[in-house]
Amino acid sequence: MIHKLVGLMIFAALVIFGLSAYLSPNDLGKCQGVSEGDCRKADAIVVVSGGDTNARTDEAIKLYKEGWAPLIVVSGAAADKTGPSNAKAMYQRAINSGVPEKAIVMDESSETTRQNATEVKKIVDSRKIEDVILVTSGYHMRRAQLEFSAQFNDVKIRSHPVASDKNWSSWWWLTPWGWWLAMGELMRIGLFALGLSR
């Protein structure tokens, strides 16, 4: 009985660890700062709204201030159409944190992850950007990476999930909401694989 319980616990731990690693790829995870290879400086930091938008924005601001890229692209339409877009709120948060206006570009029209990728691609193409660091929440990182990679033909994309936000942390598996987010993302990734995402 004890052996079965231990085996079950090990299996559950492997599932949780594997799911966490799959959903949250982090190409900057081993970097101690800007250097070479995957730790080299990018042309832009792209941050998409949704979930804990403030945490996502703050991570992009942090990367900018650490010298990872000279430009931040903020992407997201307004959840409440009577107010400013998410991108505008992200832009203002970055300005308030000391990022110069000229270092921020907005996409205010995107309402889905696929639209984030499509609209940001236009900005990337117009500015001849070749290397971006993509920032979003941990649970959303894999799907965002897939959607952006499908649009960005010759542009290098490095993933960098927010380590922790109000919706997700390394302890996500202890809450029903964490499982809801994880399973929802797996379902959307499946739809992407089938060409049914929007």
N, C-alpha and C. Protein backbone atom coordinates (compact mmCIF):
# COMPACT_ATOMS: atom_id res chain seq x y z
N MET A 1 0.83 -1.21 0.00
CA MET A 1 0.00 0.00 0.00
C MET A 1 0.87 1.27 0.00
N ILE A 2 1.91 1.25 0.86
CA ILE A 2 2.80 2.41 0.94
C ILE A 2 3.55 2.60 -0.38
N HIS A 3 3.98 1.48 -0.99
CA HIS A 3 4.68 1.56 -2.26
C HIS A 3 3.79 2.17 -3.35
N LYS A 4 2.52 1.80 -3.35
CA LYS A 4 1.59 2.35 -4.34
C LYS A 4 1.39 3.85 -4.12
N LEU A 5 1.30 4.23 -2.85
CA LEU A 5 1.11 5.65 -2.52
C LEU A 5 2.33 6.46 -2.93
N VAL A 6 3.52 5.92 -2.65
CA VAL A 6 4.75 6.60 -3.04
C VAL A 6 4.84 6.70 -4.57
N GLY A 7 4.49 5.61 -5.24
CA GLY A 7 4.50 5.62 -6.71
C GLY A 7 3.54 6.63 -7.27
N LEU A 8 2.36 6.73 -6.67
CA LEU A 8 1.36 7.70 -7.12
C LEU A 8 1.85 9.12 -6.91
N MET A 9 2.50 9.36 -5.76
CA MET A 9 3.03 10.69 -5.47
C MET A 9 4.15 11.07 -6.46
N ILE A 10 4.99 10.12 -6.78
CA ILE A 10 6.07 10.38 -7.74
C ILE A 10 5.48 10.67 -9.12
N PHE A 11 4.48 9.89 -9.51
CA PHE A 11 3.83 10.11 -10.80
C PHE A 11 3.19 11.50 -10.85
N ALA A 12 2.48 11.87 -9.78
CA ALA A 12 1.83 13.19 -9.73
C ALA A 12 2.87 14.31 -9.81
N ALA A 13 4.00 14.14 -9.11
CA ALA A 13 5.05 15.16 -9.13
C ALA A 13 5.64 15.30 -10.54
N LEU A 14 5.81 14.16 -11.23
CA LEU A 14 6.34 14.21 -12.59
C LEU A 14 5.37 14.90 -13.54
N VAL A 15 4.07 14.62 -13.38
CA VAL A 15 3.05 15.27 -14.21
C VAL A 15 3.07 16.78 -13.98
N ILE A 16 3.10 17.19 -12.71
CA ILE A 16 3.08 18.61 -12.39
C ILE A 16 4.34 19.30 -12.91
N PHE A 17 5.50 18.68 -12.68
CA PHE A 17 6.76 19.26 -13.14
C PHE A 17 6.79 19.35 -14.67
N GLY A 18 6.36 18.26 -15.31
CA GLY A 18 6.36 18.24 -16.78
C GLY A 18 5.42 19.27 -17.37
N LEU A 19 4.25 19.40 -16.77
CA LEU A 19 3.27 20.37 -17.25
C LEU A 19 3.78 21.80 -17.06
N SER A 20 4.38 22.06 -15.91
CA SER A 20 4.95 23.39 -15.65
C SER A 20 6.03 23.73 -16.67
N ALA A 21 6.93 22.76 -16.90
CA ALA A 21 8.03 22.99 -17.85
C ALA A 21 7.50 23.19 -19.27
N TYR A 22 6.48 22.43 -19.64
CA TYR A 22 5.93 22.54 -21.00
C TYR A 22 5.23 23.88 -21.21
N LEU A 23 4.39 24.28 -20.26
CA LEU A 23 3.61 25.51 -20.43
C LEU A 23 4.48 26.76 -20.32
N SER A 24 5.58 26.70 -19.59
CA SER A 24 6.36 27.90 -19.28
C SER A 24 7.81 27.84 -19.77
N PRO A 25 8.04 27.65 -21.08
CA PRO A 25 9.43 27.66 -21.55
C PRO A 25 10.06 29.02 -21.27
N ASN A 26 11.32 29.00 -20.86
CA ASN A 26 12.00 30.25 -20.51
C ASN A 26 13.41 30.25 -21.10
N ASP A 27 13.56 30.89 -22.24
CA ASP A 27 14.85 30.93 -22.93
C ASP A 27 15.89 31.79 -22.20
N LEU A 28 15.43 32.63 -21.27
CA LEU A 28 16.38 33.46 -20.51
C LEU A 28 16.62 32.89 -19.13
N GLY A 29 16.06 31.72 -18.86
CA GLY A 29 16.11 31.15 -17.52
C GLY A 29 17.49 30.95 -16.95
N LYS A 30 18.45 30.64 -17.80
CA LYS A 30 19.81 30.38 -17.32
C LYS A 30 20.71 31.60 -17.44
N CYS A 31 20.18 32.70 -17.92
CA CYS A 31 20.99 33.90 -18.12
C CYS A 31 21.23 34.63 -16.81
N GLN A 32 22.46 35.09 -16.63
CA GLN A 32 22.80 35.92 -15.47
C GLN A 32 22.76 37.40 -15.83
N GLY A 33 22.51 37.68 -17.08
CA GLY A 33 22.49 39.04 -17.60
C GLY A 33 22.69 38.97 -19.10
N VAL A 34 22.74 40.10 -19.74
CA VAL A 34 22.92 40.14 -21.19
C VAL A 34 24.34 39.72 -21.53
N SER A 35 24.48 38.71 -22.40
CA SER A 35 25.82 38.28 -22.82
C SER A 35 25.76 37.78 -24.27
N GLU A 36 25.85 36.45 -24.48
CA GLU A 36 25.86 35.90 -25.84
C GLU A 36 24.82 34.78 -25.97
N GLY A 37 24.67 34.26 -27.20
CA GLY A 37 23.74 33.16 -27.43
C GLY A 37 22.31 33.55 -27.08
N ASP A 38 21.61 32.69 -26.34
CA ASP A 38 20.24 33.01 -25.94
C ASP A 38 20.20 34.14 -24.93
N CYS A 39 21.35 34.53 -24.41
CA CYS A 39 21.42 35.63 -23.45
C CYS A 39 21.82 36.96 -24.10
N ARG A 40 21.84 36.97 -25.43
CA ARG A 40 22.24 38.20 -26.13
C ARG A 40 21.11 39.24 -26.09
N LYS A 41 21.47 40.45 -26.38
CA LYS A 41 20.51 41.56 -26.46
C LYS A 41 19.57 41.34 -27.65
N ALA A 42 18.30 41.66 -27.48
CA ALA A 42 17.30 41.54 -28.55
C ALA A 42 17.03 42.90 -29.17
N ASP A 43 16.27 42.90 -30.26
CA ASP A 43 15.85 44.17 -30.88
C ASP A 43 14.65 44.76 -30.16
N ALA A 44 13.80 43.90 -29.57
CA ALA A 44 12.59 44.38 -28.91
C ALA A 44 12.10 43.38 -27.89
N ILE A 45 11.39 43.89 -26.90
CA ILE A 45 10.67 43.08 -25.93
C ILE A 45 9.19 43.22 -26.28
N VAL A 46 8.53 42.11 -26.51
CA VAL A 46 7.10 42.13 -26.84
C VAL A 46 6.33 41.60 -25.64
N VAL A 47 5.37 42.37 -25.16
CA VAL A 47 4.57 41.95 -24.02
C VAL A 47 3.09 42.03 -24.38
N VAL A 48 2.37 40.93 -24.15
CA VAL A 48 0.95 40.88 -24.49
C VAL A 48 0.11 40.99 -23.23
N SER A 49 -1.04 41.63 -23.35
CA SER A 49 -1.91 41.83 -22.20
C SER A 49 -2.76 40.59 -21.95
N GLY A 50 -3.47 40.61 -20.83
CA GLY A 50 -4.32 39.50 -20.44
C GLY A 50 -3.88 38.98 -19.09
N GLY A 51 -4.75 38.29 -18.39
CA GLY A 51 -4.38 37.78 -17.07
C GLY A 51 -3.93 38.93 -16.18
N ASP A 52 -2.75 38.80 -15.62
CA ASP A 52 -2.18 39.87 -14.79
C ASP A 52 -1.32 40.77 -15.68
N THR A 53 -1.99 41.67 -16.37
CA THR A 53 -1.31 42.55 -17.32
C THR A 53 -0.23 43.38 -16.65
N ASN A 54 -0.49 43.84 -15.43
CA ASN A 54 0.51 44.67 -14.74
C ASN A 54 1.80 43.89 -14.48
N ALA A 55 1.68 42.64 -14.07
CA ALA A 55 2.88 41.83 -13.81
C ALA A 55 3.65 41.60 -15.11
N ARG A 56 2.92 41.34 -16.19
CA ARG A 56 3.57 41.15 -17.49
C ARG A 56 4.31 42.42 -17.91
N THR A 57 3.64 43.55 -17.76
CA THR A 57 4.24 44.84 -18.12
C THR A 57 5.47 45.13 -17.27
N ASP A 58 5.36 44.88 -15.98
CA ASP A 58 6.49 45.14 -15.07
C ASP A 58 7.70 44.29 -15.44
N GLU A 59 7.46 43.06 -15.88
CA GLU A 59 8.59 42.20 -16.29
C GLU A 59 9.25 42.76 -17.55
N ALA A 60 8.45 43.24 -18.49
CA ALA A 60 9.01 43.85 -19.70
C ALA A 60 9.82 45.10 -19.36
N ILE A 61 9.29 45.90 -18.44
CA ILE A 61 10.00 47.11 -18.00
C ILE A 61 11.34 46.73 -17.36
N LYS A 62 11.31 45.72 -16.52
CA LYS A 62 12.53 45.23 -15.85
C LYS A 62 13.58 44.80 -16.88
N LEU A 63 13.14 44.02 -17.88
CA LEU A 63 14.07 43.59 -18.92
C LEU A 63 14.65 44.79 -19.67
N TYR A 64 13.79 45.76 -19.98
CA TYR A 64 14.25 46.96 -20.69
C TYR A 64 15.32 47.69 -19.87
N LYS A 65 15.06 47.86 -18.58
CA LYS A 65 15.99 48.60 -17.72
C LYS A 65 17.30 47.83 -17.52
N GLU A 66 17.24 46.50 -17.66
CA GLU A 66 18.46 45.68 -17.55
C GLU A 66 19.24 45.65 -18.85
N GLY A 67 18.70 46.30 -19.89
CA GLY A 67 19.43 46.41 -21.16
C GLY A 67 19.20 45.28 -22.14
N TRP A 68 18.11 44.53 -21.98
CA TRP A 68 17.86 43.39 -22.87
C TRP A 68 17.42 43.83 -24.26
N ALA A 69 16.82 45.00 -24.39
CA ALA A 69 16.39 45.50 -25.71
C ALA A 69 16.11 46.99 -25.59
N PRO A 70 16.24 47.72 -26.72
CA PRO A 70 16.00 49.17 -26.70
C PRO A 70 14.55 49.56 -26.93
N LEU A 71 13.67 48.56 -27.12
CA LEU A 71 12.29 48.85 -27.50
C LEU A 71 11.34 47.88 -26.80
N ILE A 72 10.19 48.40 -26.35
CA ILE A 72 9.12 47.55 -25.80
C ILE A 72 7.91 47.70 -26.71
N VAL A 73 7.36 46.58 -27.15
CA VAL A 73 6.11 46.57 -27.92
C VAL A 73 5.02 46.03 -27.00
N VAL A 74 4.00 46.87 -26.73
CA VAL A 74 2.89 46.46 -25.87
C VAL A 74 1.68 46.16 -26.76
N SER A 75 1.01 45.05 -26.48
CA SER A 75 -0.05 44.60 -27.37
C SER A 75 -1.29 44.18 -26.60
N GLY A 76 -2.44 44.76 -26.99
CA GLY A 76 -3.70 44.35 -26.38
C GLY A 76 -4.78 45.41 -26.51
N ALA A 77 -5.96 44.97 -26.92
CA ALA A 77 -7.12 45.86 -27.02
C ALA A 77 -7.72 46.06 -25.63
N ALA A 78 -8.71 46.90 -25.55
CA ALA A 78 -9.40 47.14 -24.28
C ALA A 78 -10.36 46.01 -23.98
N ALA A 79 -10.33 45.53 -22.74
CA ALA A 79 -11.33 44.55 -22.30
C ALA A 79 -12.67 45.29 -22.17
N ASP A 80 -12.61 46.49 -21.63
CA ASP A 80 -13.78 47.36 -21.50
C ASP A 80 -13.68 48.41 -22.60
N LYS A 81 -14.54 48.29 -23.60
CA LYS A 81 -14.43 49.16 -24.78
C LYS A 81 -14.72 50.64 -24.49
N THR A 82 -15.22 50.92 -23.29
CA THR A 82 -15.48 52.33 -22.95
C THR A 82 -14.23 53.02 -22.41
N GLY A 83 -13.20 52.23 -22.13
CA GLY A 83 -11.98 52.79 -21.57
C GLY A 83 -10.81 52.67 -22.52
N PRO A 84 -9.62 53.02 -22.04
CA PRO A 84 -8.42 52.93 -22.88
C PRO A 84 -8.06 51.46 -23.15
N SER A 85 -7.31 51.24 -24.19
CA SER A 85 -6.87 49.88 -24.51
C SER A 85 -5.90 49.37 -23.44
N ASN A 86 -5.76 48.07 -23.38
CA ASN A 86 -4.76 47.49 -22.48
C ASN A 86 -3.37 47.98 -22.86
N ALA A 87 -3.11 48.09 -24.17
CA ALA A 87 -1.81 48.56 -24.62
C ALA A 87 -1.54 49.98 -24.12
N LYS A 88 -2.56 50.82 -24.15
CA LYS A 88 -2.39 52.20 -23.66
C LYS A 88 -2.09 52.21 -22.17
N ALA A 89 -2.77 51.35 -21.40
CA ALA A 89 -2.52 51.26 -19.96
C ALA A 89 -1.09 50.74 -19.71
N MET A 90 -0.66 49.78 -20.51
CA MET A 90 0.69 49.24 -20.39
C MET A 90 1.73 50.32 -20.74
N TYR A 91 1.45 51.04 -21.80
CA TYR A 91 2.30 52.15 -22.23
C TYR A 91 2.45 53.16 -21.09
N GLN A 92 1.33 53.54 -20.48
CA GLN A 92 1.37 54.53 -19.41
C GLN A 92 2.13 54.01 -18.19
N ARG A 93 1.96 52.73 -17.90
CA ARG A 93 2.68 52.12 -16.77
C ARG A 93 4.19 52.16 -17.03
N ALA A 94 4.57 51.89 -18.27
CA ALA A 94 6.00 51.93 -18.62
C ALA A 94 6.54 53.36 -18.53
N ILE A 95 5.78 54.32 -19.02
CA ILE A 95 6.18 55.73 -18.94
C ILE A 95 6.36 56.14 -17.48
N ASN A 96 5.39 55.75 -16.65
CA ASN A 96 5.45 56.09 -15.22
C ASN A 96 6.63 55.44 -14.52
N SER A 97 7.15 54.37 -15.12
CA SER A 97 8.31 53.67 -14.54
C SER A 97 9.63 54.19 -15.10
N GLY A 98 9.55 55.20 -15.95
CA GLY A 98 10.77 55.82 -16.45
C GLY A 98 11.22 55.38 -17.83
N VAL A 99 10.41 54.59 -18.52
CA VAL A 99 10.76 54.19 -19.89
C VAL A 99 10.42 55.36 -20.82
N PRO A 100 11.34 55.79 -21.68
CA PRO A 100 11.05 56.91 -22.58
C PRO A 100 9.94 56.57 -23.58
N GLU A 101 9.15 57.57 -23.95
CA GLU A 101 8.06 57.37 -24.91
C GLU A 101 8.56 56.76 -26.21
N LYS A 102 9.72 57.22 -26.69
CA LYS A 102 10.24 56.75 -27.96
C LYS A 102 10.65 55.28 -27.93
N ALA A 103 10.71 54.69 -26.73
CA ALA A 103 11.12 53.29 -26.59
C ALA A 103 9.93 52.34 -26.48
N ILE A 104 8.72 52.87 -26.72
CA ILE A 104 7.51 52.05 -26.60
C ILE A 104 6.67 52.18 -27.86
N VAL A 105 6.21 51.04 -28.37
CA VAL A 105 5.30 51.01 -29.52
C VAL A 105 4.06 50.24 -29.10
N MET A 106 2.89 50.72 -29.55
CA MET A 106 1.63 50.08 -29.15
C MET A 106 0.90 49.40 -30.29
N ASP A 107 0.31 48.26 -29.98
CA ASP A 107 -0.73 47.63 -30.80
C ASP A 107 -1.97 47.60 -29.93
N GLU A 108 -2.95 48.41 -30.28
CA GLU A 108 -4.16 48.54 -29.45
C GLU A 108 -5.35 47.75 -29.98
N SER A 109 -5.18 46.97 -31.02
CA SER A 109 -6.33 46.32 -31.64
C SER A 109 -6.49 44.83 -31.33
N SER A 110 -5.47 44.18 -30.82
CA SER A 110 -5.50 42.73 -30.65
C SER A 110 -6.37 42.28 -29.48
N GLU A 111 -7.27 41.33 -29.76
CA GLU A 111 -8.15 40.80 -28.73
C GLU A 111 -7.86 39.33 -28.40
N THR A 112 -7.05 38.66 -29.20
CA THR A 112 -6.69 37.27 -28.96
C THR A 112 -5.18 37.12 -29.12
N THR A 113 -4.67 35.98 -28.68
CA THR A 113 -3.23 35.72 -28.82
C THR A 113 -2.82 35.69 -30.28
N ARG A 114 -3.65 35.08 -31.12
CA ARG A 114 -3.34 35.05 -32.55
C ARG A 114 -3.30 36.47 -33.11
N GLN A 115 -4.23 37.32 -32.72
CA GLN A 115 -4.23 38.71 -33.18
C GLN A 115 -3.01 39.46 -32.64
N ASN A 116 -2.61 39.17 -31.40
CA ASN A 116 -1.36 39.76 -30.87
C ASN A 116 -0.22 39.47 -31.83
N ALA A 117 -0.10 38.22 -32.23
CA ALA A 117 0.99 37.82 -33.12
C ALA A 117 0.88 38.50 -34.49
N THR A 118 -0.33 38.52 -35.04
CA THR A 118 -0.54 39.10 -36.37
C THR A 118 -0.24 40.60 -36.38
N GLU A 119 -0.75 41.31 -35.38
CA GLU A 119 -0.57 42.76 -35.34
C GLU A 119 0.86 43.15 -34.98
N VAL A 120 1.47 42.43 -34.05
CA VAL A 120 2.85 42.75 -33.70
C VAL A 120 3.77 42.45 -34.88
N LYS A 121 3.44 41.45 -35.67
CA LYS A 121 4.24 41.13 -36.88
C LYS A 121 4.35 42.35 -37.79
N LYS A 122 3.26 43.11 -37.90
CA LYS A 122 3.29 44.32 -38.74
C LYS A 122 4.30 45.32 -38.20
N ILE A 123 4.35 45.47 -36.89
CA ILE A 123 5.31 46.39 -36.27
C ILE A 123 6.73 45.88 -36.48
N VAL A 124 6.91 44.59 -36.25
CA VAL A 124 8.23 43.96 -36.41
C VAL A 124 8.73 44.13 -37.85
N ASP A 125 7.86 43.88 -38.82
CA ASP A 125 8.26 44.02 -40.22
C ASP A 125 8.60 45.46 -40.57
N SER A 126 7.78 46.39 -40.10
CA SER A 126 8.00 47.80 -40.45
C SER A 126 9.30 48.34 -39.86
N ARG A 127 9.73 47.78 -38.75
CA ARG A 127 10.95 48.25 -38.09
C ARG A 127 12.15 47.33 -38.34
N LYS A 128 11.94 46.31 -39.18
CA LYS A 128 13.01 45.37 -39.51
C LYS A 128 13.63 44.73 -38.26
N ILE A 129 12.78 44.36 -37.35
CA ILE A 129 13.20 43.69 -36.12
C ILE A 129 13.47 42.22 -36.41
N GLU A 130 14.57 41.71 -35.90
CA GLU A 130 14.98 40.34 -36.20
C GLU A 130 15.01 39.43 -34.97
N ASP A 131 14.91 39.99 -33.78
CA ASP A 131 15.08 39.20 -32.56
C ASP A 131 14.21 39.82 -31.46
N VAL A 132 13.27 39.04 -30.91
CA VAL A 132 12.41 39.57 -29.86
C VAL A 132 12.42 38.65 -28.64
N ILE A 133 12.17 39.26 -27.50
CA ILE A 133 11.91 38.52 -26.26
C ILE A 133 10.42 38.67 -26.00
N LEU A 134 9.73 37.54 -25.93
CA LEU A 134 8.28 37.53 -25.75
C LEU A 134 7.95 37.32 -24.28
N VAL A 135 7.17 38.22 -23.71
CA VAL A 135 6.82 38.18 -22.29
C VAL A 135 5.32 37.99 -22.11
N THR A 136 4.95 37.02 -21.30
CA THR A 136 3.57 36.81 -20.90
C THR A 136 3.57 35.98 -19.62
N SER A 137 2.40 35.61 -19.14
CA SER A 137 2.31 34.79 -17.92
C SER A 137 2.78 33.37 -18.20
N GLY A 138 3.20 32.67 -17.15
CA GLY A 138 3.73 31.33 -17.29
C GLY A 138 2.79 30.36 -17.97
N TYR A 139 1.53 30.37 -17.58
CA TYR A 139 0.57 29.42 -18.15
C TYR A 139 0.29 29.70 -19.63
N HIS A 140 0.51 30.93 -20.07
CA HIS A 140 0.19 31.38 -21.42
C HIS A 140 1.40 31.32 -22.36
N MET A 141 2.59 31.09 -21.81
CA MET A 141 3.82 31.25 -22.57
C MET A 141 3.90 30.32 -23.77
N ARG A 142 3.63 29.02 -23.58
CA ARG A 142 3.77 28.06 -24.68
C ARG A 142 2.85 28.42 -25.85
N ARG A 143 1.60 28.72 -25.55
CA ARG A 143 0.65 29.03 -26.63
C ARG A 143 1.05 30.32 -27.34
N ALA A 144 1.47 31.31 -26.57
CA ALA A 144 1.92 32.57 -27.19
C ALA A 144 3.12 32.30 -28.09
N GLN A 145 4.05 31.49 -27.61
CA GLN A 145 5.23 31.15 -28.41
C GLN A 145 4.82 30.47 -29.72
N LEU A 146 3.86 29.56 -29.65
CA LEU A 146 3.39 28.86 -30.85
C LEU A 146 2.73 29.82 -31.84
N GLU A 147 1.86 30.68 -31.34
CA GLU A 147 1.16 31.64 -32.21
C GLU A 147 2.13 32.62 -32.85
N PHE A 148 3.08 33.14 -32.07
CA PHE A 148 4.04 34.09 -32.61
C PHE A 148 4.98 33.41 -33.60
N SER A 149 5.41 32.20 -33.28
CA SER A 149 6.31 31.48 -34.18
C SER A 149 5.65 31.19 -35.53
N ALA A 150 4.34 30.98 -35.51
CA ALA A 150 3.60 30.72 -36.75
C ALA A 150 3.56 31.95 -37.65
N GLN A 151 3.65 33.14 -37.06
CA GLN A 151 3.59 34.39 -37.82
C GLN A 151 4.96 34.95 -38.17
N PHE A 152 5.93 34.75 -37.27
CA PHE A 152 7.24 35.38 -37.40
C PHE A 152 8.19 34.45 -38.13
N ASN A 153 8.21 34.52 -39.44
CA ASN A 153 9.01 33.60 -40.25
C ASN A 153 10.50 33.63 -39.94
N ASP A 154 11.14 34.76 -40.13
CA ASP A 154 12.60 34.85 -39.98
C ASP A 154 13.00 35.62 -38.72
N VAL A 155 12.08 35.78 -37.79
CA VAL A 155 12.37 36.53 -36.57
C VAL A 155 12.62 35.54 -35.43
N LYS A 156 13.71 35.72 -34.73
CA LYS A 156 14.03 34.89 -33.57
C LYS A 156 13.15 35.30 -32.41
N ILE A 157 12.48 34.33 -31.78
CA ILE A 157 11.63 34.59 -30.63
C ILE A 157 12.19 33.86 -29.43
N ARG A 158 12.46 34.61 -28.38
CA ARG A 158 12.89 33.99 -27.12
C ARG A 158 11.79 34.19 -26.08
N SER A 159 11.40 33.12 -25.44
CA SER A 159 10.32 33.17 -24.47
C SER A 159 10.84 33.55 -23.09
N HIS A 160 10.05 34.38 -22.41
CA HIS A 160 10.39 34.74 -21.03
C HIS A 160 9.10 34.95 -20.23
N PRO A 161 8.62 33.89 -19.56
CA PRO A 161 7.39 34.04 -18.78
C PRO A 161 7.62 34.82 -17.50
N VAL A 162 6.58 35.50 -17.05
CA VAL A 162 6.62 36.15 -15.75
C VAL A 162 6.73 35.05 -14.69
N ALA A 163 7.67 35.20 -13.78
CA ALA A 163 7.91 34.14 -12.78
C ALA A 163 6.68 33.90 -11.92
N SER A 164 6.00 34.96 -11.57
CA SER A 164 4.83 34.83 -10.69
C SER A 164 3.91 36.02 -10.90
N ASP A 165 2.61 35.75 -11.01
CA ASP A 165 1.64 36.84 -11.05
C ASP A 165 0.43 36.44 -10.21
N LYS A 166 -0.58 37.27 -10.21
CA LYS A 166 -1.71 37.00 -9.31
C LYS A 166 -2.49 35.76 -9.72
N ASN A 167 -2.29 35.27 -10.94
CA ASN A 167 -3.00 34.08 -11.42
C ASN A 167 -2.15 32.82 -11.46
N TRP A 168 -0.82 32.94 -11.34
CA TRP A 168 0.05 31.80 -11.61
C TRP A 168 1.35 31.92 -10.82
N SER A 169 1.81 30.82 -10.29
CA SER A 169 3.10 30.75 -9.61
C SER A 169 3.60 29.32 -9.69
N SER A 170 4.72 29.03 -9.09
CA SER A 170 5.23 27.66 -9.10
C SER A 170 4.34 26.73 -8.26
N TRP A 171 3.42 27.30 -7.52
CA TRP A 171 2.49 26.52 -6.70
C TRP A 171 1.10 26.47 -7.33
N TRP A 172 1.01 26.69 -8.63
CA TRP A 172 -0.28 26.73 -9.32
C TRP A 172 -1.11 25.48 -9.10
N TRP A 173 -0.47 24.33 -8.96
CA TRP A 173 -1.14 23.04 -8.87
C TRP A 173 -1.88 22.83 -7.55
N LEU A 174 -1.69 23.75 -6.60
CA LEU A 174 -2.39 23.65 -5.32
C LEU A 174 -3.77 24.28 -5.33
N THR A 175 -4.12 24.94 -6.44
CA THR A 175 -5.42 25.62 -6.50
C THR A 175 -6.25 25.13 -7.68
N PRO A 176 -7.57 25.10 -7.52
CA PRO A 176 -8.43 24.76 -8.66
C PRO A 176 -8.24 25.73 -9.83
N TRP A 177 -8.01 27.01 -9.52
CA TRP A 177 -7.81 28.01 -10.58
C TRP A 177 -6.56 27.71 -11.39
N GLY A 178 -5.49 27.26 -10.71
CA GLY A 178 -4.27 26.89 -11.42
C GLY A 178 -4.51 25.75 -12.39
N TRP A 179 -5.25 24.73 -11.97
CA TRP A 179 -5.57 23.61 -12.85
C TRP A 179 -6.48 24.05 -13.99
N TRP A 180 -7.41 24.95 -13.70
CA TRP A 180 -8.30 25.48 -14.73
C TRP A 180 -7.49 26.18 -15.83
N LEU A 181 -6.54 27.02 -15.40
CA LEU A 181 -5.69 27.73 -16.38
C LEU A 181 -4.84 26.74 -17.18
N ALA A 182 -4.23 25.78 -16.49
CA ALA A 182 -3.36 24.82 -17.17
C ALA A 182 -4.13 23.98 -18.18
N MET A 183 -5.26 23.46 -17.76
CA MET A 183 -6.05 22.62 -18.66
C MET A 183 -6.63 23.44 -19.82
N GLY A 184 -7.02 24.67 -19.52
CA GLY A 184 -7.54 25.56 -20.58
C GLY A 184 -6.49 25.84 -21.63
N GLU A 185 -5.25 26.06 -21.18
CA GLU A 185 -4.17 26.30 -22.14
C GLU A 185 -3.85 25.06 -22.96
N LEU A 186 -3.86 23.89 -22.32
CA LEU A 186 -3.62 22.66 -23.07
C LEU A 186 -4.68 22.46 -24.15
N MET A 187 -5.92 22.78 -23.81
CA MET A 187 -7.01 22.66 -24.79
C MET A 187 -6.79 23.63 -25.95
N ARG A 188 -6.41 24.86 -25.65
CA ARG A 188 -6.17 25.85 -26.70
C ARG A 188 -4.96 25.49 -27.55
N ILE A 189 -3.95 24.90 -26.94
CA ILE A 189 -2.79 24.43 -27.69
C ILE A 189 -3.21 23.31 -28.64
N GLY A 190 -4.10 22.44 -28.16
CA GLY A 190 -4.63 21.39 -29.02
C GLY A 190 -5.39 21.96 -30.21
N LEU A 191 -6.19 22.98 -29.97
CA LEU A 191 -6.92 23.64 -31.05
C LEU A 191 -5.95 24.29 -32.04
N PHE A 192 -4.87 24.88 -31.51
CA PHE A 192 -3.84 25.47 -32.38
C PHE A 192 -3.26 24.39 -33.28
N ALA A 193 -2.93 23.25 -32.69
CA ALA A 193 -2.33 22.15 -33.45
C ALA A 193 -3.25 21.65 -34.56
N LEU A 194 -4.55 21.76 -34.30
CA LEU A 194 -5.53 21.34 -35.30
C LEU A 194 -5.90 22.45 -36.29
N GLY A 195 -5.29 23.62 -36.11
CA GLY A 195 -5.57 24.75 -36.99
C GLY A 195 -6.90 25.41 -36.69
N LEU A 196 -7.39 25.25 -35.45
CA LEU A 196 -8.71 25.76 -35.09
C LEU A 196 -8.65 26.93 -34.11
N SER A 197 -7.44 27.41 -33.77
CA SER A 197 -7.36 28.52 -32.84
C SER A 197 -7.79 29.80 -33.54
N ARG A 198 -8.14 30.80 -32.73
CA ARG A 198 -8.56 32.07 -33.31
C ARG A 198 -7.82 33.22 -32.67
